[in-house]
């Protein structure tokens, strides 16, 4: 069983049928459904923004998804925050949320980071990019 860190783009793509990466995200998460899936707390916050704008029913849908897929929410520890800050300081184009995803993967020694963001593949050998089918 692989340890897989999920980026917000994959979860959002899975949950939104209108997302350009929807089919690819469904396929990727289906392929990894038996693996140990982890979302950093920062990703959890990101994926809840639009649902909170839509209402509590949408929030409940995201929480049900997290539960149904057995996704573990990994807290942003001081160590993850330090690693993320270091990554961000070295790469000015890297956004802090993405740096925290990579830092989480490093800290928990994940096998794979699933993302829809191709730019992250240049930053870590753990990254697997989910792209349009």
Protein backbone atom coordinates (compact mmCIF):
# COMPACT_ATOMS: atom_id res chain seq x y z
CA UNK A 1 0.00 0.00 0.00
CA UNK A 2 1.39 3.38 -1.02
CA UNK A 3 1.30 6.54 1.06
CA UNK A 4 -0.27 9.18 -1.18
CA UNK A 5 -0.50 12.92 -0.46
CA UNK A 6 -3.33 14.69 -2.26
CA UNK A 7 -3.07 18.22 -3.59
CA UNK A 8 -6.21 20.36 -3.59
CA UNK A 9 -6.37 20.32 -7.40
CA UNK A 10 -7.00 16.57 -7.42
CA UNK A 11 -9.73 16.65 -4.79
CA UNK A 12 -11.43 19.65 -6.37
CA UNK A 13 -11.16 18.04 -9.80
CA UNK A 14 -12.70 14.84 -8.46
CA UNK A 15 -15.61 16.63 -6.78
CA UNK A 16 -16.43 19.07 -9.62
CA UNK A 17 -17.83 17.36 -12.74
CA UNK A 18 -17.24 20.61 -14.67
CA UNK A 19 -13.52 20.70 -13.84
CA UNK A 20 -11.22 20.08 -16.83
CA UNK A 21 -9.40 17.39 -14.82
CA UNK A 22 -12.51 15.70 -13.45
CA UNK A 23 -12.25 12.43 -15.39
CA UNK A 24 -8.50 12.17 -14.80
CA UNK A 25 -8.92 12.88 -11.07
CA UNK A 26 -11.67 10.27 -10.78
CA UNK A 27 -9.40 7.74 -12.50
CA UNK A 28 -6.40 8.66 -10.32
CA UNK A 29 -8.28 8.46 -7.04
CA UNK A 30 -9.98 5.25 -8.09
CA UNK A 31 -6.53 3.79 -8.84
CA UNK A 32 -5.30 4.85 -5.39
CA UNK A 33 -8.46 4.12 -3.41
CA UNK A 34 -6.82 1.22 -1.54
CA UNK A 35 -3.74 3.29 -0.68
CA UNK A 36 -3.21 5.40 2.43
CA UNK A 37 -4.55 8.79 1.31
CA UNK A 38 -3.45 11.93 3.15
CA UNK A 39 -4.44 15.56 2.72
CA UNK A 40 -2.49 18.23 4.55
CA UNK A 41 -4.72 20.46 6.69
CA UNK A 42 -3.92 23.29 4.26
CA UNK A 43 -5.45 21.25 1.42
CA UNK A 44 -8.49 20.49 3.57
CA UNK A 45 -8.98 24.23 4.07
CA UNK A 46 -8.57 24.91 0.32
CA UNK A 47 -11.13 22.31 -0.71
CA UNK A 48 -13.71 23.69 1.74
CA UNK A 49 -13.66 27.31 0.51
CA UNK A 50 -16.06 26.93 -2.45
CA UNK A 51 -18.38 24.55 -0.57
CA UNK A 52 -18.70 27.05 2.29
CA UNK A 53 -19.69 29.67 -0.27
CA UNK A 54 -22.31 27.26 -1.64
CA UNK A 55 -23.75 26.28 1.75
CA UNK A 56 -23.61 23.66 4.45
CA UNK A 57 -24.95 20.89 2.23
CA UNK A 58 -21.94 21.30 -0.07
CA UNK A 59 -19.59 21.27 2.95
CA UNK A 60 -21.23 18.08 4.14
CA UNK A 61 -20.65 16.55 0.70
CA UNK A 62 -16.91 17.25 0.92
CA UNK A 63 -16.74 15.86 4.45
CA UNK A 64 -18.59 12.73 3.29
CA UNK A 65 -16.08 12.33 0.46
CA UNK A 66 -13.16 12.63 2.90
CA UNK A 67 -14.76 10.01 5.14
CA UNK A 68 -15.81 7.65 2.33
CA UNK A 69 -12.31 7.61 0.84
CA UNK A 70 -10.68 7.30 4.25
CA UNK A 71 -8.56 10.39 3.67
CA UNK A 72 -6.49 11.30 6.71
CA UNK A 73 -6.04 15.00 7.39
CA UNK A 74 -2.41 15.66 8.34
CA UNK A 75 -1.92 18.62 10.69
CA UNK A 76 0.57 21.29 9.67
CA UNK A 77 3.21 20.70 12.31
CA UNK A 78 6.03 23.10 13.08
CA UNK A 79 8.35 20.83 11.09
CA UNK A 80 6.09 20.85 8.02
CA UNK A 81 5.76 24.64 8.32
CA UNK A 82 9.55 25.04 8.44
CA UNK A 83 10.11 22.76 5.44
CA UNK A 84 7.36 24.59 3.52
CA UNK A 85 8.83 27.98 4.37
CA UNK A 86 12.26 26.81 3.25
CA UNK A 87 10.89 25.51 -0.06
CA UNK A 88 8.97 28.75 -0.61
CA UNK A 89 12.03 30.87 0.19
CA UNK A 90 14.12 29.00 -2.39
CA UNK A 91 11.54 29.22 -5.18
CA UNK A 92 9.77 32.55 -5.46
CA UNK A 93 7.21 31.22 -7.93
CA UNK A 94 6.13 28.43 -5.55
CA UNK A 95 2.94 29.29 -3.68
CA UNK A 96 2.90 28.55 0.04
CA UNK A 97 -0.05 26.11 -0.21
CA UNK A 98 1.91 24.06 -2.76
CA UNK A 99 5.06 24.28 -0.64
CA UNK A 100 3.09 22.89 2.32
CA UNK A 101 1.87 19.94 0.22
CA UNK A 102 5.44 19.10 -0.80
CA UNK A 103 6.66 19.63 2.77
CA UNK A 104 3.98 17.32 4.12
CA UNK A 105 4.99 14.64 1.62
CA UNK A 106 8.62 14.99 2.65
CA UNK A 107 7.83 14.93 6.36
CA UNK A 108 5.67 11.80 6.24
CA UNK A 109 7.86 10.20 3.57
CA UNK A 110 5.01 9.77 1.10
CA UNK A 111 5.45 7.61 -1.96
CA UNK A 112 3.42 9.89 -4.24
CA UNK A 113 1.98 13.39 -4.38
CA UNK A 114 -1.03 13.53 -6.70
CA UNK A 115 -1.55 16.96 -8.25
CA UNK A 116 -2.93 18.64 -11.32
CA UNK A 117 -0.14 21.21 -11.21
CA UNK A 118 2.59 20.31 -13.71
CA UNK A 119 5.01 22.85 -12.23
CA UNK A 120 5.30 20.78 -9.03
CA UNK A 121 6.77 17.84 -10.96
CA UNK A 122 9.98 19.85 -11.39
CA UNK A 123 10.31 20.22 -7.62
CA UNK A 124 9.93 16.68 -6.31
CA UNK A 125 10.40 13.17 -7.62
CA UNK A 126 7.34 12.17 -5.56
CA UNK A 127 4.99 14.20 -7.75
CA UNK A 128 2.63 12.46 -10.16
CA UNK A 129 0.69 14.87 -12.35
CA UNK A 130 -2.94 14.07 -13.10
CA UNK A 131 -3.66 15.43 -16.57
CA UNK A 132 -6.61 15.52 -18.91
CA UNK A 133 -7.54 12.17 -20.40
